[in-house]
C-alpha atoms as a PDB file:
ATOM      1  CA  UNK A   1       0.386  -0.179   0.044  1.00  0.00           C
ATOM      2  CA  UNK A   2       1.603   3.298  -0.803  1.00  0.00           C
ATOM      3  CA  UNK A   3       1.744   6.374   0.442  1.00  0.00           C
ATOM      4  CA  UNK A   4      -0.596   8.250  -1.587  1.00  0.00           C
ATOM      5  CA  UNK A   5      -3.190   5.381  -0.630  1.00  0.00           C
ATOM      6  CA  UNK A   6      -2.865   6.034   3.145  1.00  0.00           C
ATOM      7  CA  UNK A   7      -3.052   9.541   2.675  1.00  0.00           C
ATOM      8  CA  UNK A   8      -6.012   9.195   0.376  1.00  0.00           C
ATOM      9  CA  UNK A   9      -8.729   7.202   2.860  1.00  0.00           C
ATOM     10  CA  UNK A  10      -7.446   9.260   5.553  1.00  0.00           C
ATOM     11  CA  UNK A  11      -8.727  12.471   3.955  1.00  0.00           C
ATOM     12  CA  UNK A  12     -11.918   9.978   2.857  1.00  0.00           C
ATOM     13  CA  UNK A  13     -12.258   8.798   6.226  1.00  0.00           C
ATOM     14  CA  UNK A  14     -11.780  12.028   7.977  1.00  0.00           C
ATOM     15  CA  UNK A  15     -14.432  14.184   5.697  1.00  0.00           C
ATOM     16  CA  UNK A  16     -17.013  11.235   6.300  1.00  0.00           C
ATOM     17  CA  UNK A  17     -17.121  11.935   9.936  1.00  0.00           C
ATOM     18  CA  UNK A  18     -17.073  15.325   9.505  1.00  0.00           C
ATOM     19  CA  UNK A  19     -19.979  15.602   7.024  1.00  0.00           C
ATOM     20  CA  UNK A  20     -21.494  12.786  10.032  1.00  0.00           C
ATOM     21  CA  UNK A  21     -20.284  15.246  12.928  1.00  0.00           C
ATOM     22  CA  UNK A  22     -21.906  18.235  11.804  1.00  0.00           C
ATOM     23  CA  UNK A  23     -25.175  17.585   9.583  1.00  0.00           C
ATOM     24  CA  UNK A  24     -26.680  14.569  11.046  1.00  0.00           C
ATOM     25  CA  UNK A  25     -27.874  15.564  14.512  1.00  0.00           C
ATOM     26  CA  UNK A  26     -27.346  12.690  17.335  1.00  0.00           C
ATOM     27  CA  UNK A  27     -26.569  13.222  20.935  1.00  0.00           C
ATOM     28  CA  UNK A  28     -23.343  14.506  21.948  1.00  0.00           C
ATOM     29  CA  UNK A  29     -21.847  10.754  23.731  1.00  0.00           C
ATOM     30  CA  UNK A  30     -22.786   9.320  20.169  1.00  0.00           C
ATOM     31  CA  UNK A  31     -20.925  11.749  18.469  1.00  0.00           C
ATOM     32  CA  UNK A  32     -18.117  11.011  21.025  1.00  0.00           C
ATOM     33  CA  UNK A  33     -18.399   6.965  20.846  1.00  0.00           C
ATOM     34  CA  UNK A  34     -19.333   7.282  16.995  1.00  0.00           C
ATOM     35  CA  UNK A  35     -15.338   9.507  16.476  1.00  0.00           C
ATOM     36  CA  UNK A  36     -13.152   7.335  19.305  1.00  0.00           C
ATOM     37  CA  UNK A  37     -13.993   4.190  17.607  1.00  0.00           C
ATOM     38  CA  UNK A  38     -12.997   5.629  14.144  1.00  0.00           C
ATOM     39  CA  UNK A  39      -9.804   6.696  15.630  1.00  0.00           C
ATOM     40  CA  UNK A  40      -9.216   3.598  16.797  1.00  0.00           C
ATOM     41  CA  UNK A  41     -10.495   1.187  13.826  1.00  0.00           C
ATOM     42  CA  UNK A  42      -8.326   3.858  11.785  1.00  0.00           C
ATOM     43  CA  UNK A  43      -4.722   3.734  13.974  1.00  0.00           C
ATOM     44  CA  UNK A  44      -5.730  -0.358  13.935  1.00  0.00           C
ATOM     45  CA  UNK A  45      -5.482   0.245  10.440  1.00  0.00           C
ATOM     46  CA  UNK A  46      -2.717   2.422  10.260  1.00  0.00           C
ATOM     47  CA  UNK A  47      -0.637  -0.137  11.971  1.00  0.00           C
ATOM     48  CA  UNK A  48      -1.343  -3.091   9.731  1.00  0.00           C
ATOM     49  CA  UNK A  49      -1.267  -0.908   6.020  1.00  0.00           C
ATOM     50  CA  UNK A  50       2.468  -0.161   7.905  1.00  0.00           C
ATOM     51  CA  UNK A  51       2.891  -4.428   8.746  1.00  0.00           C
ATOM     52  CA  UNK A  52       3.293  -3.284  12.371  1.00  0.00           C
ATOM     53  CA  UNK A  53       0.207  -5.865  13.967  1.00  0.00           C
ATOM     54  CA  UNK A  54       1.729  -7.990  11.729  1.00  0.00           C
ATOM     55  CA  UNK A  55       5.570  -7.973  13.073  1.00  0.00           C
ATOM     56  CA  UNK A  56       3.382  -8.267  16.769  1.00  0.00           C
ATOM     57  CA  UNK A  57       1.242 -11.099  15.571  1.00  0.00           C
ATOM     58  CA  UNK A  58      -1.886  -9.457  16.553  1.00  0.00           C
ATOM     59  CA  UNK A  59      -4.952 -10.495  15.154  1.00  0.00           C
ATOM     60  CA  UNK A  60      -7.355  -8.726  13.468  1.00  0.00           C
END
């Protein structure tokens, strides 16, 4: 996976999360939970994309 692909995915995820946070009415608690879940998923995806989770033998 190239750096360009990683950047494109990060921009798309960030844009979608921003659109959801701004235009879909939700309780503040639900928005914060959604933001934390997306952040955790993106960090895990980045670690796997750069091969760090494979080195640690962490199954996802």
